[in-house]
Amino acid sequence: MSQTQGKALLFDIDGTLADTDPIHLAAFNQVLGPHGHTFDHARFGKELQGFSNASIGERFLTHEPADRRASILGEKERIFRELVSGQIVPVPGLMALLDRADRAGVPMVAVTNAPRPNAELLLSGLGIAHRFKAVVIGDELAQGKPHPLPYLEGLRLAGASAPASLAFEDSRSGIQSATAGIATIGMRTGLGHADLLAAGAVASARAFDDPELIRLVASAMAW
């Protein structure tokens, strides 16, 4: 199978490949609640969704030293992994899209601000870890989302160009990261159509079997 030169599909993981945001919300409330911060769905979407733990710690745990912030947010991730185990379900239409990309020889890369253990848990839980040419972790780079570096690294690893590629994101910070050159489809697992387009997405879709998403991907990938 020959790789299609220049093209790639780049995917966020949480809220994009699987609708895990409610579980993240519960885990954040469990660890940040004792520090005076509680979140509903709307506040989660504005202030937590898609941001790195480092930036979340700087904003909501200012009274704690850096090592303690990291410990608190590490506990949040442990709680998340515990809660999500056995509840990892793909967003509808995902497997068909991945199959189509494989048949066309289009490389796929996962690009996330999640810690690597979370990313690996979710990809293995979905049974799709082998599908991705690379997994880019924001915290392992000099800058995470919303900086464009994670998506630039994803393009580099895929051997792809931004104008020939597509990204899929569900958060404002993720869309900001990807749209520094890559046309991005916003997934409506958490945010609505207007919010996703305001963040910079070219279109939005409820799931990967959305007819408009299928049409856009087919056109962009020329399949």
C-alpha atoms as a PDB file:
ATOM      1  CA  MET A   1       0.000   0.000   0.000  1.00  0.00           C
ATOM      2  CA  SER A   2       1.583   3.277  -1.068  1.00  0.00           C
ATOM      3  CA  GLN A   3       1.386   6.340   1.133  1.00  0.00           C
ATOM      4  CA  THR A   4      -0.339   9.363  -0.385  1.00  0.00           C
ATOM      5  CA  GLN A   5       2.377  12.009  -0.491  1.00  0.00           C
ATOM      6  CA  GLY A   6       1.620  15.211   1.381  1.00  0.00           C
ATOM      7  CA  LYS A   7      -1.749  14.249   2.850  1.00  0.00           C
ATOM      8  CA  ALA A   8      -2.549  13.266   6.438  1.00  0.00           C
ATOM      9  CA  LEU A   9      -5.447  13.076   8.852  1.00  0.00           C
ATOM     10  CA  LEU A  10      -4.652  14.389  12.336  1.00  0.00           C
ATOM     11  CA  PHE A  11      -6.911  13.623  15.279  1.00  0.00           C
ATOM     12  CA  ASP A  12      -7.232  14.925  18.790  1.00  0.00           C
ATOM     13  CA  ILE A  13      -8.101  12.033  21.142  1.00  0.00           C
ATOM     14  CA  ASP A  14     -10.305  13.092  24.088  1.00  0.00           C
ATOM     15  CA  GLY A  15     -13.718  14.250  22.911  1.00  0.00           C
ATOM     16  CA  THR A  16     -12.780  13.558  19.287  1.00  0.00           C
ATOM     17  CA  LEU A  17     -12.081   9.836  18.955  1.00  0.00           C
ATOM     18  CA  ALA A  18     -14.094   9.031  22.109  1.00  0.00           C
ATOM     19  CA  ASP A  19     -16.528  11.189  24.086  1.00  0.00           C
ATOM     20  CA  THR A  20     -14.582  11.255  27.345  1.00  0.00           C
ATOM     21  CA  ASP A  21     -15.251  14.847  28.408  1.00  0.00           C
ATOM     22  CA  PRO A  22     -17.893  14.003  31.072  1.00  0.00           C
ATOM     23  CA  ILE A  23     -15.360  11.700  32.746  1.00  0.00           C
ATOM     24  CA  HIS A  24     -12.666  14.375  32.675  1.00  0.00           C
ATOM     25  CA  LEU A  25     -15.159  16.840  34.172  1.00  0.00           C
ATOM     26  CA  ALA A  26     -15.903  14.465  37.052  1.00  0.00           C
ATOM     27  CA  ALA A  27     -12.191  13.887  37.702  1.00  0.00           C
ATOM     28  CA  PHE A  28     -11.374  17.603  37.643  1.00  0.00           C
ATOM     29  CA  ASN A  29     -14.167  18.369  40.096  1.00  0.00           C
ATOM     30  CA  GLN A  30     -12.904  15.654  42.419  1.00  0.00           C
ATOM     31  CA  VAL A  31      -9.390  17.120  42.661  1.00  0.00           C
ATOM     32  CA  LEU A  32     -10.001  20.862  42.138  1.00  0.00           C
ATOM     33  CA  GLY A  33     -13.167  21.082  44.244  1.00  0.00           C
ATOM     34  CA  PRO A  34     -11.203  21.032  47.534  1.00  0.00           C
ATOM     35  CA  HIS A  35      -9.211  24.003  46.170  1.00  0.00           C
ATOM     36  CA  GLY A  36     -12.350  26.083  45.612  1.00  0.00           C
ATOM     37  CA  HIS A  37     -12.968  25.358  41.933  1.00  0.00           C
ATOM     38  CA  THR A  38     -15.989  23.467  40.658  1.00  0.00           C
ATOM     39  CA  PHE A  39     -17.028  23.202  37.039  1.00  0.00           C
ATOM     40  CA  ASP A  40     -20.206  22.617  35.077  1.00  0.00           C
ATOM     41  CA  HIS A  41     -20.249  21.580  31.414  1.00  0.00           C
ATOM     42  CA  ALA A  42     -20.108  25.167  30.102  1.00  0.00           C
ATOM     43  CA  ARG A  43     -17.228  26.224  32.334  1.00  0.00           C
ATOM     44  CA  PHE A  44     -15.348  23.015  31.534  1.00  0.00           C
ATOM     45  CA  GLY A  45     -15.605  23.830  27.822  1.00  0.00           C
ATOM     46  CA  LYS A  46     -14.198  27.318  28.297  1.00  0.00           C
ATOM     47  CA  GLU A  47     -11.524  26.831  30.961  1.00  0.00           C
ATOM     48  CA  LEU A  48     -10.363  23.205  31.010  1.00  0.00           C
ATOM     49  CA  GLN A  49     -11.180  21.399  27.771  1.00  0.00           C
ATOM     50  CA  GLY A  50      -8.118  20.928  25.610  1.00  0.00           C
ATOM     51  CA  PHE A  51      -5.677  22.796  27.867  1.00  0.00           C
ATOM     52  CA  SER A  52      -2.482  21.265  29.218  1.00  0.00           C
ATOM     53  CA  ASN A  53      -2.277  20.309  32.874  1.00  0.00           C
ATOM     54  CA  ALA A  54       0.606  22.738  33.291  1.00  0.00           C
ATOM     55  CA  SER A  55      -1.550  25.675  32.192  1.00  0.00           C
ATOM     56  CA  ILE A  56      -4.502  24.439  34.278  1.00  0.00           C
ATOM     57  CA  GLY A  57      -2.267  24.223  37.341  1.00  0.00           C
ATOM     58  CA  GLU A  58      -0.915  27.724  36.758  1.00  0.00           C
ATOM     59  CA  ARG A  59      -4.450  29.087  36.584  1.00  0.00           C
ATOM     60  CA  PHE A  60      -6.304  27.192  39.303  1.00  0.00           C
ATOM     61  CA  LEU A  61      -3.591  26.111  41.753  1.00  0.00           C
ATOM     62  CA  THR A  62      -1.644  29.352  42.035  1.00  0.00           C
ATOM     63  CA  HIS A  63      -1.331  28.896  45.809  1.00  0.00           C
ATOM     64  CA  GLU A  64       0.553  25.617  45.371  1.00  0.00           C
ATOM     65  CA  PRO A  65       4.221  25.139  44.429  1.00  0.00           C
ATOM     66  CA  ALA A  66       4.905  23.650  40.989  1.00  0.00           C
ATOM     67  CA  ASP A  67       5.645  20.140  42.241  1.00  0.00           C
ATOM     68  CA  ARG A  68       2.428  20.056  44.255  1.00  0.00           C
ATOM     69  CA  ARG A  69       0.415  21.264  41.242  1.00  0.00           C
ATOM     70  CA  ALA A  70       1.868  18.435  39.186  1.00  0.00           C
ATOM     71  CA  SER A  71       0.988  15.947  41.933  1.00  0.00           C
ATOM     72  CA  ILE A  72      -2.625  17.160  42.194  1.00  0.00           C
ATOM     73  CA  LEU A  73      -3.150  17.021  38.443  1.00  0.00           C
ATOM     74  CA  GLY A  74      -1.393  13.672  38.245  1.00  0.00           C
ATOM     75  CA  GLU A  75      -4.004  12.407  40.708  1.00  0.00           C
ATOM     76  CA  LYS A  76      -6.704  13.820  38.431  1.00  0.00           C
ATOM     77  CA  GLU A  77      -5.334  11.734  35.567  1.00  0.00           C
ATOM     78  CA  ARG A  78      -5.174   8.614  37.738  1.00  0.00           C
ATOM     79  CA  ILE A  79      -8.828   9.131  38.695  1.00  0.00           C
ATOM     80  CA  PHE A  80      -9.730   9.659  35.027  1.00  0.00           C
ATOM     81  CA  ARG A  81      -8.022   6.420  33.965  1.00  0.00           C
ATOM     82  CA  GLU A  82      -9.820   4.564  36.731  1.00  0.00           C
ATOM     83  CA  LEU A  83     -13.217   6.016  35.783  1.00  0.00           C
ATOM     84  CA  VAL A  84     -12.842   5.584  32.020  1.00  0.00           C
ATOM     85  CA  SER A  85     -11.728   1.957  32.117  1.00  0.00           C
ATOM     86  CA  GLY A  86     -14.367  -0.139  30.388  1.00  0.00           C
ATOM     87  CA  GLN A  87     -16.196   2.943  29.062  1.00  0.00           C
ATOM     88  CA  ILE A  88     -14.091   3.717  25.986  1.00  0.00           C
ATOM     89  CA  VAL A  89     -16.445   3.869  23.010  1.00  0.00           C
ATOM     90  CA  PRO A  90     -15.579   5.319  19.583  1.00  0.00           C
ATOM     91  CA  VAL A  91     -17.482   8.293  18.234  1.00  0.00           C
ATOM     92  CA  PRO A  92     -19.851   6.850  15.578  1.00  0.00           C
ATOM     93  CA  GLY A  93     -18.319   6.437  12.136  1.00  0.00           C
ATOM     94  CA  LEU A  94     -14.718   6.526  13.353  1.00  0.00           C
ATOM     95  CA  MET A  95     -13.788   2.992  12.332  1.00  0.00           C
ATOM     96  CA  ALA A  96     -15.172   3.412   8.814  1.00  0.00           C
ATOM     97  CA  LEU A  97     -13.136   6.603   8.351  1.00  0.00           C
ATOM     98  CA  LEU A  98      -9.945   4.946   9.595  1.00  0.00           C
ATOM     99  CA  ASP A  99     -10.573   2.005   7.250  1.00  0.00           C
ATOM    100  CA  ARG A 100     -10.990   4.383   4.317  1.00  0.00           C
ATOM    101  CA  ALA A 101      -7.769   6.219   5.166  1.00  0.00           C
ATOM    102  CA  ASP A 102      -5.858   2.953   5.454  1.00  0.00           C
ATOM    103  CA  ARG A 103      -7.115   1.773   2.070  1.00  0.00           C
ATOM    104  CA  ALA A 104      -6.103   5.105   0.509  1.00  0.00           C
ATOM    105  CA  GLY A 105      -2.661   5.046   2.121  1.00  0.00           C
ATOM    106  CA  VAL A 106      -3.271   8.303   4.009  1.00  0.00           C
ATOM    107  CA  PRO A 107      -1.216   8.420   7.236  1.00  0.00           C
ATOM    108  CA  MET A 108      -2.943   9.270  10.496  1.00  0.00           C
ATOM    109  CA  VAL A 109      -1.479  10.922  13.582  1.00  0.00           C
ATOM    110  CA  ALA A 110      -2.986  11.495  17.031  1.00  0.00           C
ATOM    111  CA  VAL A 111      -2.233  14.927  18.537  1.00  0.00           C
ATOM    112  CA  THR A 112      -3.181  15.486  22.169  1.00  0.00           C
ATOM    113  CA  ASN A 113      -2.476  17.477  25.319  1.00  0.00           C
ATOM    114  CA  ALA A 114      -3.280  14.365  27.363  1.00  0.00           C
ATOM    115  CA  PRO A 115      -0.471  12.593  29.229  1.00  0.00           C
ATOM    116  CA  ARG A 116       0.935   9.636  27.309  1.00  0.00           C
ATOM    117  CA  PRO A 117      -0.579   7.006  29.678  1.00  0.00           C
ATOM    118  CA  ASN A 118      -4.052   8.453  28.994  1.00  0.00           C
ATOM    119  CA  ALA A 119      -3.484   8.578  25.240  1.00  0.00           C
ATOM    120  CA  GLU A 120      -2.226   5.007  25.152  1.00  0.00           C
ATOM    121  CA  LEU A 121      -5.100   3.795  27.347  1.00  0.00           C
ATOM    122  CA  LEU A 122      -7.713   5.389  25.081  1.00  0.00           C
ATOM    123  CA  LEU A 123      -6.143   4.292  21.798  1.00  0.00           C
ATOM    124  CA  SER A 124      -5.664   0.722  23.029  1.00  0.00           C
ATOM    125  CA  GLY A 125      -9.171   0.717  24.536  1.00  0.00           C
ATOM    126  CA  LEU A 126     -10.556   1.678  21.131  1.00  0.00           C
ATOM    127  CA  GLY A 127      -8.369  -0.980  19.498  1.00  0.00           C
ATOM    128  CA  ILE A 128      -6.816   1.546  17.109  1.00  0.00           C
ATOM    129  CA  ALA A 129      -3.310   2.222  18.458  1.00  0.00           C
ATOM    130  CA  HIS A 130      -1.771   0.419  15.473  1.00  0.00           C
ATOM    131  CA  ARG A 131      -3.568   2.719  13.024  1.00  0.00           C
ATOM    132  CA  PHE A 132      -1.538   5.813  13.880  1.00  0.00           C
ATOM    133  CA  LYS A 133       1.865   6.632  12.443  1.00  0.00           C
ATOM    134  CA  ALA A 134       2.635   8.640  15.581  1.00  0.00           C
ATOM    135  CA  VAL A 135       1.122   9.954  18.799  1.00  0.00           C
ATOM    136  CA  VAL A 136       2.137  13.544  19.583  1.00  0.00           C
ATOM    137  CA  ILE A 137       1.913  14.529  23.276  1.00  0.00           C
ATOM    138  CA  GLY A 138       1.766  18.266  23.974  1.00  0.00           C
ATOM    139  CA  ASP A 139       3.539  18.018  27.332  1.00  0.00           C
ATOM    140  CA  GLU A 140       6.501  16.302  25.653  1.00  0.00           C
ATOM    141  CA  LEU A 141       7.092  19.354  23.437  1.00  0.00           C
ATOM    142  CA  ALA A 142       8.304  22.857  24.222  1.00  0.00           C
ATOM    143  CA  GLN A 143       4.696  24.076  23.764  1.00  0.00           C
ATOM    144  CA  GLY A 144       1.365  22.259  23.939  1.00  0.00           C
ATOM    145  CA  LYS A 145      -1.979  23.290  22.500  1.00  0.00           C
ATOM    146  CA  PRO A 146      -3.147  26.010  21.816  1.00  0.00           C
ATOM    147  CA  HIS A 147       0.335  26.628  20.380  1.00  0.00           C
ATOM    148  CA  PRO A 148       0.607  25.208  16.834  1.00  0.00           C
ATOM    149  CA  LEU A 149       3.731  23.159  17.644  1.00  0.00           C
ATOM    150  CA  PRO A 150       1.898  19.854  18.376  1.00  0.00           C
ATOM    151  CA  TYR A 151       0.203  19.885  14.972  1.00  0.00           C
ATOM    152  CA  LEU A 152       3.365  21.004  13.212  1.00  0.00           C
ATOM    153  CA  GLU A 153       5.120  18.034  14.808  1.00  0.00           C
ATOM    154  CA  GLY A 154       2.277  15.765  13.690  1.00  0.00           C
ATOM    155  CA  LEU A 155       2.672  16.955  10.109  1.00  0.00           C
ATOM    156  CA  ARG A 156       6.429  16.417  10.287  1.00  0.00           C
ATOM    157  CA  LEU A 157       6.066  12.862  11.545  1.00  0.00           C
ATOM    158  CA  ALA A 158       3.483  12.075   8.871  1.00  0.00           C
ATOM    159  CA  GLY A 159       5.603  13.587   6.113  1.00  0.00           C
ATOM    160  CA  ALA A 160       2.619  15.756   5.244  1.00  0.00           C
ATOM    161  CA  SER A 161       1.876  19.376   4.387  1.00  0.00           C
ATOM    162  CA  ALA A 162      -0.677  21.541   6.177  1.00  0.00           C
ATOM    163  CA  PRO A 163      -2.648  22.609   3.065  1.00  0.00           C
ATOM    164  CA  ALA A 164      -3.123  18.979   1.973  1.00  0.00           C
ATOM    165  CA  SER A 165      -4.189  17.696   5.408  1.00  0.00           C
ATOM    166  CA  LEU A 166      -7.233  17.752   7.689  1.00  0.00           C
ATOM    167  CA  ALA A 167      -7.518  17.880  11.473  1.00  0.00           C
ATOM    168  CA  PHE A 168     -10.364  16.859  13.790  1.00  0.00           C
ATOM    169  CA  GLU A 169     -10.780  18.664  17.118  1.00  0.00           C
ATOM    170  CA  ASP A 170     -13.430  19.260  19.766  1.00  0.00           C
ATOM    171  CA  SER A 171     -11.958  22.073  21.885  1.00  0.00           C
ATOM    172  CA  ARG A 172     -11.231  25.743  21.364  1.00  0.00           C
ATOM    173  CA  SER A 173      -7.559  25.353  22.267  1.00  0.00           C
ATOM    174  CA  GLY A 174      -7.183  22.364  19.961  1.00  0.00           C
ATOM    175  CA  ILE A 175      -8.777  24.158  17.030  1.00  0.00           C
ATOM    176  CA  GLN A 176      -6.514  27.156  17.645  1.00  0.00           C
ATOM    177  CA  SER A 177      -3.505  24.821  17.551  1.00  0.00           C
ATOM    178  CA  ALA A 178      -4.547  23.004  14.393  1.00  0.00           C
ATOM    179  CA  THR A 179      -5.815  25.929  12.370  1.00  0.00           C
ATOM    180  CA  ALA A 180      -2.379  27.472  12.151  1.00  0.00           C
ATOM    181  CA  GLY A 181      -2.419  26.068   8.625  1.00  0.00           C
ATOM    182  CA  ILE A 182      -4.607  22.938   8.730  1.00  0.00           C
ATOM    183  CA  ALA A 183      -8.294  22.961   7.802  1.00  0.00           C
ATOM    184  CA  THR A 184     -10.043  21.636  10.917  1.00  0.00           C
ATOM    185  CA  ILE A 185     -13.419  19.979  11.399  1.00  0.00           C
ATOM    186  CA  GLY A 186     -14.904  20.621  14.841  1.00  0.00           C
ATOM    187  CA  MET A 187     -16.545  17.627  16.516  1.00  0.00           C
ATOM    188  CA  ARG A 188     -19.743  18.499  18.400  1.00  0.00           C
ATOM    189  CA  THR A 189     -19.173  16.150  21.348  1.00  0.00           C
ATOM    190  CA  GLY A 190     -18.925  19.091  23.740  1.00  0.00           C
ATOM    191  CA  LEU A 191     -19.220  22.434  21.965  1.00  0.00           C
ATOM    192  CA  GLY A 192     -21.908  23.560  19.555  1.00  0.00           C
ATOM    193  CA  HIS A 193     -21.581  24.453  15.880  1.00  0.00           C
ATOM    194  CA  ALA A 194     -21.315  28.209  16.459  1.00  0.00           C
ATOM    195  CA  ASP A 195     -18.608  27.858  19.136  1.00  0.00           C
ATOM    196  CA  LEU A 196     -16.535  25.515  16.971  1.00  0.00           C
ATOM    197  CA  LEU A 197     -16.712  27.812  13.947  1.00  0.00           C
ATOM    198  CA  ALA A 198     -15.940  30.855  16.093  1.00  0.00           C
ATOM    199  CA  ALA A 199     -12.796  29.060  17.282  1.00  0.00           C
ATOM    200  CA  GLY A 200     -11.683  28.594  13.668  1.00  0.00           C
ATOM    201  CA  ALA A 201     -13.115  25.292  12.441  1.00  0.00           C
ATOM    202  CA  VAL A 202     -14.124  25.188   8.765  1.00  0.00           C
ATOM    203  CA  ALA A 203     -17.137  22.990   9.571  1.00  0.00           C
ATOM    204  CA  SER A 204     -18.596  20.969  12.415  1.00  0.00           C
ATOM    205  CA  ALA A 205     -19.969  17.450  12.642  1.00  0.00           C
ATOM    206  CA  ARG A 206     -21.857  15.479  15.249  1.00  0.00           C
ATOM    207  CA  ALA A 207     -19.842  12.331  14.487  1.00  0.00           C
ATOM    208  CA  PHE A 208     -17.614  10.768  11.833  1.00  0.00           C
ATOM    209  CA  ASP A 209     -20.633   9.360   9.994  1.00  0.00           C
ATOM    210  CA  ASP A 210     -22.010  12.879   9.456  1.00  0.00           C
ATOM    211  CA  PRO A 211     -22.622  13.204   5.678  1.00  0.00           C
ATOM    212  CA  GLU A 212     -21.014  16.653   5.523  1.00  0.00           C
ATOM    213  CA  LEU A 213     -17.855  15.382   7.251  1.00  0.00           C
ATOM    214  CA  ILE A 214     -17.679  12.416   4.872  1.00  0.00           C
ATOM    215  CA  ARG A 215     -18.045  14.773   1.893  1.00  0.00           C
ATOM    216  CA  LEU A 216     -15.366  17.174   3.172  1.00  0.00           C
ATOM    217  CA  VAL A 217     -12.875  14.394   3.867  1.00  0.00           C
ATOM    218  CA  ALA A 218     -13.479  12.740   0.491  1.00  0.00           C
ATOM    219  CA  SER A 219     -12.947  16.056  -1.268  1.00  0.00           C
ATOM    220  CA  ALA A 220      -9.803  16.972   0.683  1.00  0.00           C
ATOM    221  CA  MET A 221      -8.240  13.525   0.348  1.00  0.00           C
ATOM    222  CA  ALA A 222      -9.414  13.048  -3.274  1.00  0.00           C
ATOM    223  CA  TRP A 223     -10.914   9.632  -2.660  1.00  0.00           C
END
